[in-house]
């Protein structure tokens, strides 16, 4: 089942429920609500499918992974390609990649942009929290300089609180040092 069809089905269910709650002729309102919901859900799924395809095309071979979580898109940017060790300024070598992200974000401007910084557990919790916040903010600042509307941003630093791998090996720590951009459709 495509995400467009899945979104349409979920939209239809939600619309049917809302249509029934509207009162009056429950069956008629449910059918109208289902039709409206299906159109909206299918449109959101298709919109995010197109955005995902463009991001995958632009980001292929850059080290940034593109994944889907329902209708949301997640860009995982490992710190080894985005920042020097223990630094919070985006490396110049990563500017072209972020330029491509900005290009797509400017084209698909009906998404919210959650920028989340993460670290490994090396160092103090306070230091890691601050570093993760500054890194997320640095990515947001760069994207804003490329014309992405900052009102779309939510900037978060999580320090070492959300690891994706163990912190007991160099590889695990490297996976945990990252900035993630979550693209959430505005429905």
N, C-alpha and C. Protein backbone atom coordinates (compact mmCIF):
# COMPACT_ATOMS: atom_id res chain seq x y z
N UNK A 1 0.85 -1.18 0.00
CA UNK A 1 0.00 0.00 0.00
C UNK A 1 0.90 1.23 0.00
N UNK A 2 0.68 2.15 -0.92
CA UNK A 2 1.48 3.38 -0.98
C UNK A 2 1.12 4.28 0.19
N UNK A 3 2.02 5.20 0.49
CA UNK A 3 1.74 6.14 1.58
C UNK A 3 0.58 7.06 1.20
N UNK A 4 0.42 7.34 -0.08
CA UNK A 4 -0.71 8.16 -0.51
C UNK A 4 -2.01 7.43 -0.22
N UNK A 5 -2.06 6.14 -0.56
CA UNK A 5 -3.27 5.35 -0.29
C UNK A 5 -3.49 5.19 1.20
N UNK A 6 -2.41 4.96 1.94
CA UNK A 6 -2.53 4.84 3.40
C UNK A 6 -3.04 6.13 4.02
N UNK A 7 -2.50 7.25 3.55
CA UNK A 7 -2.97 8.55 4.05
C UNK A 7 -4.42 8.78 3.70
N UNK A 8 -4.81 8.37 2.51
CA UNK A 8 -6.21 8.53 2.11
C UNK A 8 -7.12 7.68 2.99
N UNK A 9 -6.69 6.46 3.29
CA UNK A 9 -7.51 5.58 4.13
C UNK A 9 -7.65 6.15 5.54
N UNK A 10 -6.54 6.61 6.11
CA UNK A 10 -6.62 7.20 7.45
C UNK A 10 -7.47 8.47 7.43
N UNK A 11 -7.30 9.27 6.40
CA UNK A 11 -8.10 10.49 6.28
C UNK A 11 -9.58 10.17 6.16
N UNK A 12 -9.90 9.13 5.41
CA UNK A 12 -11.29 8.73 5.25
C UNK A 12 -11.90 8.30 6.59
N UNK A 13 -11.13 7.52 7.36
CA UNK A 13 -11.63 7.09 8.67
C UNK A 13 -11.86 8.28 9.59
N UNK A 14 -10.86 9.17 9.64
CA UNK A 14 -11.00 10.35 10.50
C UNK A 14 -12.16 11.22 10.03
N UNK A 15 -12.27 11.42 8.73
CA UNK A 15 -13.35 12.23 8.19
C UNK A 15 -14.71 11.64 8.46
N UNK A 16 -14.81 10.32 8.34
CA UNK A 16 -16.08 9.66 8.62
C UNK A 16 -16.47 9.87 10.07
N UNK A 17 -15.51 9.74 10.97
CA UNK A 17 -15.79 9.95 12.39
C UNK A 17 -16.23 11.37 12.67
N UNK A 18 -15.54 12.33 12.09
CA UNK A 18 -15.92 13.73 12.29
C UNK A 18 -17.26 14.04 11.65
N UNK A 19 -17.50 13.45 10.48
CA UNK A 19 -18.79 13.67 9.82
C UNK A 19 -19.95 13.15 10.65
N UNK A 20 -19.76 12.01 11.28
CA UNK A 20 -20.80 11.44 12.13
C UNK A 20 -21.06 12.34 13.34
N UNK A 21 -19.99 12.89 13.90
CA UNK A 21 -20.13 13.76 15.06
C UNK A 21 -20.85 15.07 14.72
N UNK A 22 -20.85 15.44 13.44
CA UNK A 22 -21.47 16.70 13.03
C UNK A 22 -22.98 16.69 13.25
N UNK A 23 -23.57 15.52 13.38
CA UNK A 23 -25.00 15.43 13.68
C UNK A 23 -25.84 15.37 12.43
N UNK A 24 -27.12 15.28 12.63
CA UNK A 24 -28.05 15.20 11.50
C UNK A 24 -28.06 13.81 10.91
N UNK A 25 -27.97 13.71 9.61
CA UNK A 25 -27.97 12.44 8.90
C UNK A 25 -26.59 11.81 9.04
N UNK A 26 -26.45 10.90 10.02
CA UNK A 26 -25.15 10.32 10.34
C UNK A 26 -24.50 9.64 9.15
N UNK A 27 -25.27 8.87 8.39
CA UNK A 27 -24.69 8.15 7.26
C UNK A 27 -24.21 9.12 6.20
N UNK A 28 -25.02 10.11 5.86
CA UNK A 28 -24.65 11.10 4.85
C UNK A 28 -23.43 11.89 5.31
N UNK A 29 -23.42 12.38 6.54
CA UNK A 29 -22.30 13.16 7.06
C UNK A 29 -21.03 12.32 7.13
N UNK A 30 -21.17 11.06 7.49
CA UNK A 30 -20.00 10.17 7.54
C UNK A 30 -19.40 10.00 6.16
N UNK A 31 -20.25 9.83 5.14
CA UNK A 31 -19.74 9.67 3.77
C UNK A 31 -19.07 10.95 3.26
N UNK A 32 -19.67 12.08 3.55
CA UNK A 32 -19.06 13.36 3.14
C UNK A 32 -17.73 13.54 3.86
N UNK A 33 -17.73 13.30 5.16
CA UNK A 33 -16.49 13.43 5.94
C UNK A 33 -15.42 12.48 5.46
N UNK A 34 -15.81 11.26 5.11
CA UNK A 34 -14.84 10.28 4.62
C UNK A 34 -14.23 10.74 3.30
N UNK A 35 -15.05 11.29 2.42
CA UNK A 35 -14.54 11.78 1.13
C UNK A 35 -13.56 12.92 1.30
N UNK A 36 -13.90 13.87 2.15
CA UNK A 36 -13.00 15.01 2.40
C UNK A 36 -11.72 14.52 3.07
N UNK A 37 -11.86 13.64 4.05
CA UNK A 37 -10.68 13.11 4.75
C UNK A 37 -9.76 12.32 3.84
N UNK A 38 -10.34 11.55 2.92
CA UNK A 38 -9.54 10.76 1.99
C UNK A 38 -8.72 11.67 1.07
N UNK A 39 -9.36 12.74 0.60
CA UNK A 39 -8.63 13.69 -0.26
C UNK A 39 -7.48 14.33 0.50
N UNK A 40 -7.75 14.78 1.71
CA UNK A 40 -6.71 15.44 2.50
C UNK A 40 -5.59 14.47 2.85
N UNK A 41 -5.94 13.28 3.32
CA UNK A 41 -4.92 12.29 3.69
C UNK A 41 -4.09 11.85 2.51
N UNK A 42 -4.72 11.64 1.37
CA UNK A 42 -4.00 11.25 0.17
C UNK A 42 -3.09 12.35 -0.32
N UNK A 43 -3.55 13.58 -0.22
CA UNK A 43 -2.73 14.72 -0.65
C UNK A 43 -1.49 14.85 0.22
N UNK A 44 -1.65 14.70 1.53
CA UNK A 44 -0.50 14.80 2.43
C UNK A 44 0.50 13.69 2.14
N UNK A 45 0.01 12.45 1.99
CA UNK A 45 0.90 11.33 1.69
C UNK A 45 1.65 11.54 0.39
N UNK A 46 0.95 12.00 -0.65
CA UNK A 46 1.59 12.25 -1.94
C UNK A 46 2.61 13.37 -1.86
N UNK A 47 2.28 14.43 -1.14
CA UNK A 47 3.18 15.57 -0.95
C UNK A 47 4.48 15.11 -0.28
N UNK A 48 4.34 14.30 0.76
CA UNK A 48 5.53 13.83 1.49
C UNK A 48 6.31 12.82 0.64
N UNK A 49 5.62 12.01 -0.18
CA UNK A 49 6.30 11.09 -1.09
C UNK A 49 7.19 11.85 -2.07
N UNK A 50 6.66 12.94 -2.62
CA UNK A 50 7.44 13.74 -3.58
C UNK A 50 8.64 14.38 -2.90
N UNK A 51 8.42 14.92 -1.71
CA UNK A 51 9.52 15.56 -0.97
C UNK A 51 10.60 14.52 -0.63
N UNK A 52 10.18 13.35 -0.19
CA UNK A 52 11.13 12.28 0.13
C UNK A 52 11.96 11.90 -1.10
N UNK A 53 11.30 11.75 -2.24
CA UNK A 53 12.01 11.36 -3.47
C UNK A 53 13.07 12.41 -3.84
N UNK A 54 12.71 13.67 -3.73
CA UNK A 54 13.68 14.73 -4.06
C UNK A 54 14.84 14.73 -3.07
N UNK A 55 14.54 14.57 -1.79
CA UNK A 55 15.61 14.53 -0.80
C UNK A 55 16.54 13.35 -1.05
N UNK A 56 15.97 12.19 -1.33
CA UNK A 56 16.81 11.01 -1.62
C UNK A 56 17.72 11.27 -2.82
N UNK A 57 17.19 11.91 -3.85
CA UNK A 57 17.98 12.21 -5.04
C UNK A 57 19.13 13.15 -4.73
N UNK A 58 18.84 14.23 -4.04
CA UNK A 58 19.87 15.22 -3.72
C UNK A 58 20.90 14.71 -2.71
N UNK A 59 20.46 13.87 -1.78
CA UNK A 59 21.34 13.48 -0.67
C UNK A 59 22.06 12.16 -0.89
N UNK A 60 21.81 11.51 -2.01
CA UNK A 60 22.48 10.24 -2.30
C UNK A 60 24.00 10.44 -2.29
N UNK A 61 24.69 9.60 -1.54
CA UNK A 61 26.15 9.64 -1.48
C UNK A 61 26.73 10.71 -0.56
N UNK A 62 25.89 11.42 0.19
CA UNK A 62 26.39 12.48 1.08
C UNK A 62 26.67 12.00 2.49
N UNK A 63 26.20 10.82 2.85
CA UNK A 63 26.31 10.34 4.22
C UNK A 63 25.07 10.62 5.06
N UNK A 64 24.13 11.37 4.51
CA UNK A 64 22.87 11.66 5.20
C UNK A 64 21.87 10.59 4.82
N UNK A 65 21.24 9.99 5.83
CA UNK A 65 20.21 8.99 5.53
C UNK A 65 18.84 9.65 5.56
N UNK A 66 17.96 9.15 4.70
CA UNK A 66 16.59 9.63 4.59
C UNK A 66 15.69 8.45 4.92
N UNK A 67 14.86 8.59 5.95
CA UNK A 67 13.94 7.51 6.31
C UNK A 67 12.54 8.09 6.51
N UNK A 68 11.55 7.21 6.43
CA UNK A 68 10.16 7.59 6.65
C UNK A 68 9.68 7.00 7.96
N UNK A 69 8.92 7.79 8.68
CA UNK A 69 8.20 7.33 9.87
C UNK A 69 6.76 7.80 9.69
N UNK A 70 5.94 6.94 9.07
CA UNK A 70 4.59 7.34 8.71
C UNK A 70 4.66 8.42 7.64
N UNK A 71 4.01 9.56 7.87
CA UNK A 71 4.09 10.67 6.92
C UNK A 71 5.27 11.59 7.19
N UNK A 72 6.02 11.34 8.25
CA UNK A 72 7.18 12.16 8.58
C UNK A 72 8.42 11.65 7.86
N UNK A 73 9.33 12.57 7.54
CA UNK A 73 10.60 12.23 6.93
C UNK A 73 11.69 12.60 7.93
N UNK A 74 12.67 11.70 8.10
CA UNK A 74 13.78 11.96 9.02
C UNK A 74 15.08 11.95 8.24
N UNK A 75 15.84 13.04 8.38
CA UNK A 75 17.19 13.14 7.82
C UNK A 75 18.16 12.97 8.97
N UNK A 76 19.02 11.96 8.89
CA UNK A 76 20.01 11.70 9.93
C UNK A 76 21.36 12.17 9.42
N UNK A 77 21.93 13.16 10.11
CA UNK A 77 23.20 13.75 9.71
C UNK A 77 24.25 13.42 10.75
N UNK A 78 25.09 12.41 10.49
CA UNK A 78 26.12 12.04 11.47
C UNK A 78 27.10 13.19 11.70
N UNK A 79 27.58 13.32 12.94
CA UNK A 79 28.45 14.45 13.26
C UNK A 79 29.79 14.38 12.55
N UNK A 80 30.24 13.19 12.15
CA UNK A 80 31.54 13.10 11.49
C UNK A 80 31.55 13.78 10.13
N UNK A 81 30.37 14.06 9.57
CA UNK A 81 30.33 14.78 8.28
C UNK A 81 29.80 16.20 8.44
N UNK A 82 29.30 16.55 9.62
CA UNK A 82 28.70 17.86 9.81
C UNK A 82 29.51 18.80 10.69
N UNK A 83 30.22 18.26 11.69
CA UNK A 83 30.91 19.09 12.67
C UNK A 83 32.28 18.51 12.99
N UNK A 84 33.23 19.37 13.31
CA UNK A 84 34.51 18.91 13.85
C UNK A 84 34.26 18.43 15.29
N UNK A 85 35.14 17.61 15.81
CA UNK A 85 34.99 17.06 17.16
C UNK A 85 34.78 18.17 18.19
N UNK A 86 33.72 18.01 18.97
CA UNK A 86 33.38 18.91 20.08
C UNK A 86 33.13 20.35 19.62
N UNK A 87 32.78 20.54 18.36
CA UNK A 87 32.51 21.88 17.82
C UNK A 87 31.04 21.98 17.42
N UNK A 88 30.55 23.22 17.29
CA UNK A 88 29.14 23.41 16.97
C UNK A 88 28.91 24.20 15.69
N UNK A 89 29.96 24.48 14.92
CA UNK A 89 29.78 25.16 13.64
C UNK A 89 29.81 24.14 12.50
N UNK A 90 28.84 24.23 11.62
CA UNK A 90 28.76 23.31 10.47
C UNK A 90 30.05 23.45 9.66
N UNK A 91 30.65 22.32 9.30
CA UNK A 91 31.89 22.36 8.52
C UNK A 91 31.58 22.86 7.10
N UNK A 92 32.48 23.64 6.52
CA UNK A 92 32.27 24.12 5.14
C UNK A 92 32.04 22.99 4.14
N UNK A 93 32.64 21.83 4.38
CA UNK A 93 32.47 20.70 3.47
C UNK A 93 31.03 20.21 3.43
N UNK A 94 30.24 20.54 4.44
CA UNK A 94 28.85 20.07 4.53
C UNK A 94 27.86 21.11 3.98
N UNK A 95 28.35 22.30 3.63
CA UNK A 95 27.45 23.35 3.15
C UNK A 95 26.66 22.94 1.92
N UNK A 96 27.30 22.28 0.95
CA UNK A 96 26.56 21.88 -0.26
C UNK A 96 25.41 20.94 0.06
N UNK A 97 25.63 20.05 1.02
CA UNK A 97 24.56 19.12 1.42
C UNK A 97 23.41 19.89 2.04
N UNK A 98 23.72 20.81 2.95
CA UNK A 98 22.66 21.60 3.57
C UNK A 98 21.99 22.53 2.56
N UNK A 99 22.74 22.98 1.55
CA UNK A 99 22.13 23.79 0.49
C UNK A 99 21.06 22.97 -0.24
N UNK A 100 21.34 21.69 -0.48
CA UNK A 100 20.36 20.82 -1.15
C UNK A 100 19.13 20.62 -0.26
N UNK A 101 19.35 20.44 1.04
CA UNK A 101 18.23 20.30 1.97
C UNK A 101 17.38 21.57 1.94
N UNK A 102 18.05 22.73 1.99
CA UNK A 102 17.33 24.00 1.98
C UNK A 102 16.52 24.17 0.69
N UNK A 103 17.08 23.76 -0.43
CA UNK A 103 16.38 23.85 -1.71
C UNK A 103 15.06 23.09 -1.65
N UNK A 104 15.11 21.88 -1.12
CA UNK A 104 13.89 21.06 -1.03
C UNK A 104 12.93 21.65 0.01
N UNK A 105 13.46 22.09 1.15
CA UNK A 105 12.59 22.67 2.18
C UNK A 105 11.89 23.93 1.67
N UNK A 106 12.58 24.72 0.86
CA UNK A 106 11.95 25.91 0.31
C UNK A 106 10.88 25.56 -0.73
N UNK A 107 11.09 24.48 -1.46
CA UNK A 107 10.10 24.05 -2.45
C UNK A 107 8.87 23.45 -1.76
N UNK A 108 9.10 22.64 -0.73
CA UNK A 108 8.03 21.96 -0.01
C UNK A 108 7.86 22.68 1.33
N UNK A 109 7.20 23.82 1.30
CA UNK A 109 7.15 24.65 2.50
C UNK A 109 5.93 24.37 3.39
N UNK A 110 5.23 23.28 3.13
CA UNK A 110 4.10 22.90 3.98
C UNK A 110 4.50 21.79 4.94
N UNK A 111 5.75 21.88 5.42
CA UNK A 111 6.23 20.96 6.46
C UNK A 111 6.84 21.76 7.59
N UNK A 112 6.68 21.27 8.79
CA UNK A 112 7.39 21.79 9.95
C UNK A 112 8.74 21.11 9.99
N UNK A 113 9.75 21.80 10.54
CA UNK A 113 11.12 21.30 10.52
C UNK A 113 11.62 21.23 11.96
N UNK A 114 11.66 20.03 12.51
CA UNK A 114 12.19 19.81 13.86
C UNK A 114 13.66 19.44 13.73
N UNK A 115 14.55 20.23 14.32
CA UNK A 115 15.99 20.00 14.22
C UNK A 115 16.47 19.58 15.60
N UNK A 116 16.92 18.33 15.69
CA UNK A 116 17.26 17.72 16.97
C UNK A 116 18.73 17.33 17.03
N UNK A 117 19.45 17.88 18.01
CA UNK A 117 20.85 17.55 18.21
C UNK A 117 21.00 16.45 19.24
N UNK A 118 21.98 15.57 19.01
CA UNK A 118 22.26 14.44 19.91
C UNK A 118 23.76 14.28 20.07
N UNK A 119 24.18 13.76 21.21
CA UNK A 119 25.60 13.48 21.45
C UNK A 119 25.74 12.05 21.97
N UNK A 120 27.00 11.62 22.10
CA UNK A 120 27.26 10.37 22.82
C UNK A 120 27.34 10.71 24.31
N UNK A 121 27.71 9.74 25.13
CA UNK A 121 27.72 9.96 26.58
C UNK A 121 29.09 10.38 27.11
N UNK A 122 30.06 10.60 26.22
CA UNK A 122 31.37 11.05 26.67
C UNK A 122 31.26 12.49 27.16
N UNK A 123 31.82 12.78 28.31
CA UNK A 123 31.74 14.12 28.87
C UNK A 123 30.54 14.26 29.79
N UNK A 124 30.39 15.44 30.36
CA UNK A 124 29.30 15.66 31.32
C UNK A 124 27.97 15.82 30.60
N UNK A 125 26.92 15.48 31.31
CA UNK A 125 25.57 15.63 30.75
C UNK A 125 25.29 17.08 30.38
N UNK A 126 25.74 18.01 31.22
CA UNK A 126 25.52 19.44 30.96
C UNK A 126 26.24 19.88 29.69
N UNK A 127 27.49 19.45 29.53
CA UNK A 127 28.25 19.81 28.32
C UNK A 127 27.56 19.23 27.08
N UNK A 128 27.17 17.95 27.15
CA UNK A 128 26.55 17.30 25.99
C UNK A 128 25.22 17.94 25.62
N UNK A 129 24.44 18.32 26.62
CA UNK A 129 23.16 18.97 26.34
C UNK A 129 23.40 20.30 25.62
N UNK A 130 24.31 21.10 26.13
CA UNK A 130 24.62 22.38 25.49
C UNK A 130 25.15 22.21 24.09
N UNK A 131 26.07 21.24 23.89
CA UNK A 131 26.64 21.00 22.56
C UNK A 131 25.55 20.57 21.58
N UNK A 132 24.66 19.69 22.02
CA UNK A 132 23.60 19.22 21.12
C UNK A 132 22.66 20.36 20.74
N UNK A 133 22.37 21.25 21.69
CA UNK A 133 21.51 22.40 21.40
C UNK A 133 22.20 23.36 20.43
N UNK A 134 23.49 23.61 20.64
CA UNK A 134 24.21 24.53 19.76
C UNK A 134 24.34 23.96 18.35
N UNK A 135 24.54 22.65 18.24
CA UNK A 135 24.64 22.04 16.91
C UNK A 135 23.31 22.12 16.17
N UNK A 136 22.21 21.83 16.85
CA UNK A 136 20.89 21.94 16.21
C UNK A 136 20.65 23.39 15.79
N UNK A 137 21.01 24.32 16.64
CA UNK A 137 20.83 25.73 16.32
C UNK A 137 21.70 26.16 15.15
N UNK A 138 22.92 25.62 15.06
CA UNK A 138 23.82 25.94 13.96
C UNK A 138 23.24 25.48 12.62
N UNK A 139 22.65 24.28 12.60
CA UNK A 139 22.01 23.78 11.38
C UNK A 139 20.82 24.66 11.02
N UNK A 140 20.01 25.02 12.03
CA UNK A 140 18.85 25.88 11.77
C UNK A 140 19.28 27.25 11.23
N UNK A 141 20.33 27.81 11.81
CA UNK A 141 20.83 29.11 11.35
C UNK A 141 21.27 29.02 9.90
N UNK A 142 22.01 27.97 9.57
CA UNK A 142 22.47 27.82 8.19
C UNK A 142 21.29 27.68 7.22
N UNK A 143 20.32 26.84 7.58
CA UNK A 143 19.15 26.67 6.70
C UNK A 143 18.39 28.00 6.56
N UNK A 144 18.29 28.75 7.65
CA UNK A 144 17.64 30.06 7.59
C UNK A 144 18.37 31.01 6.66
N UNK A 145 19.70 30.96 6.66
CA UNK A 145 20.48 31.80 5.76
C UNK A 145 20.26 31.43 4.30
N UNK A 146 19.77 30.22 4.07
CA UNK A 146 19.48 29.77 2.71
C UNK A 146 18.02 30.01 2.34
N UNK A 147 17.31 30.77 3.17
CA UNK A 147 15.95 31.18 2.84
C UNK A 147 14.84 30.34 3.45
N UNK A 148 15.16 29.32 4.24
CA UNK A 148 14.11 28.52 4.88
C UNK A 148 13.51 29.36 6.01
N UNK A 149 12.20 29.48 6.04
CA UNK A 149 11.50 30.29 7.02
C UNK A 149 11.71 29.72 8.42
N UNK A 150 12.36 30.48 9.28
CA UNK A 150 12.66 30.04 10.64
C UNK A 150 11.43 29.79 11.50
N UNK A 151 10.28 30.31 11.09
CA UNK A 151 9.05 30.04 11.85
C UNK A 151 8.64 28.58 11.75
N UNK A 152 9.21 27.87 10.81
CA UNK A 152 8.91 26.44 10.65
C UNK A 152 9.74 25.59 11.61
N UNK A 153 10.78 26.15 12.22
CA UNK A 153 11.74 25.38 13.01
C UNK A 153 11.30 25.18 14.45
N UNK A 154 11.60 23.99 14.96
CA UNK A 154 11.64 23.71 16.39
C UNK A 154 13.03 23.14 16.62
N UNK A 155 13.81 23.78 17.49
CA UNK A 155 15.20 23.41 17.70
C UNK A 155 15.33 22.77 19.07
N UNK A 156 15.87 21.54 19.10
CA UNK A 156 15.98 20.79 20.35
C UNK A 156 17.36 20.19 20.49
N UNK A 157 17.86 20.20 21.71
CA UNK A 157 19.09 19.48 22.03
C UNK A 157 18.76 18.42 23.05
N UNK A 158 19.15 17.19 22.78
CA UNK A 158 18.83 16.09 23.68
C UNK A 158 20.05 15.51 24.38
N UNK A 159 21.24 16.06 24.12
CA UNK A 159 22.44 15.51 24.73
C UNK A 159 22.56 14.04 24.41
N UNK A 160 22.86 13.24 25.43
CA UNK A 160 23.03 11.80 25.26
C UNK A 160 21.79 11.01 25.64
N UNK A 161 20.65 11.69 25.80
CA UNK A 161 19.44 11.04 26.33
C UNK A 161 18.70 10.15 25.35
N UNK A 162 19.01 10.22 24.05
CA UNK A 162 18.29 9.41 23.07
C UNK A 162 19.27 8.68 22.15
N UNK A 163 20.05 7.77 22.71
CA UNK A 163 21.02 7.06 21.87
C UNK A 163 20.33 6.11 20.90
N UNK A 164 20.95 5.92 19.74
CA UNK A 164 20.47 4.94 18.77
C UNK A 164 21.37 3.71 18.75
N UNK A 165 22.45 3.76 19.52
CA UNK A 165 23.40 2.65 19.63
C UNK A 165 24.03 2.72 21.02
N UNK A 166 24.75 1.66 21.38
CA UNK A 166 25.44 1.66 22.67
C UNK A 166 26.59 2.66 22.67
N UNK A 167 26.90 3.20 23.82
CA UNK A 167 28.00 4.14 23.94
C UNK A 167 29.29 3.45 24.40
N UNK A 168 29.31 2.12 24.37
CA UNK A 168 30.47 1.37 24.87
C UNK A 168 31.50 1.06 23.78
N UNK A 169 31.21 1.44 22.52
CA UNK A 169 32.18 1.24 21.44
C UNK A 169 32.33 2.53 20.65
N UNK A 170 33.48 2.71 19.99
CA UNK A 170 33.64 3.92 19.17
C UNK A 170 32.58 4.04 18.08
N UNK A 171 32.19 2.91 17.46
CA UNK A 171 31.17 2.95 16.41
C UNK A 171 29.82 3.38 16.97
N UNK A 172 29.46 2.84 18.14
CA UNK A 172 28.19 3.21 18.77
C UNK A 172 28.16 4.68 19.13
N UNK A 173 29.25 5.18 19.70
CA UNK A 173 29.31 6.60 20.05
C UNK A 173 29.19 7.47 18.80
N UNK A 174 29.83 7.05 17.72
CA UNK A 174 29.76 7.82 16.46
C UNK A 174 28.32 7.88 15.95
N UNK A 175 27.57 6.78 16.07
CA UNK A 175 26.17 6.78 15.62
C UNK A 175 25.31 7.71 16.47
N UNK A 176 25.66 7.84 17.73
CA UNK A 176 24.86 8.67 18.63
C UNK A 176 25.11 10.17 18.44
N UNK A 177 26.27 10.52 17.91
CA UNK A 177 26.59 11.94 17.65
C UNK A 177 25.97 12.31 16.30
N UNK A 178 24.87 13.04 16.33
CA UNK A 178 24.14 13.31 15.09
C UNK A 178 23.21 14.49 15.26
N UNK A 179 22.79 15.04 14.14
CA UNK A 179 21.67 15.97 14.09
C UNK A 179 20.62 15.32 13.21
N UNK A 180 19.41 15.28 13.71
CA UNK A 180 18.29 14.75 12.92
C UNK A 180 17.35 15.90 12.57
N UNK A 181 16.89 15.89 11.33
CA UNK A 181 15.86 16.83 10.91
C UNK A 181 14.60 16.01 10.64
N UNK A 182 13.56 16.31 11.38
CA UNK A 182 12.27 15.64 11.21
C UNK A 182 11.34 16.59 10.46
N UNK A 183 10.85 16.14 9.33
CA UNK A 183 9.92 16.93 8.52
C UNK A 183 8.51 16.41 8.76
N UNK A 184 7.67 17.27 9.27
CA UNK A 184 6.32 16.90 9.68
C UNK A 184 5.33 17.69 8.83
N UNK A 185 4.41 17.00 8.13
CA UNK A 185 3.47 17.73 7.28
C UNK A 185 2.54 18.63 8.10
N UNK A 186 2.27 19.80 7.57
CA UNK A 186 1.27 20.68 8.16
C UNK A 186 -0.07 20.23 7.58
N UNK A 187 -0.92 19.70 8.43
CA UNK A 187 -2.19 19.16 7.92
C UNK A 187 -3.32 20.12 8.11
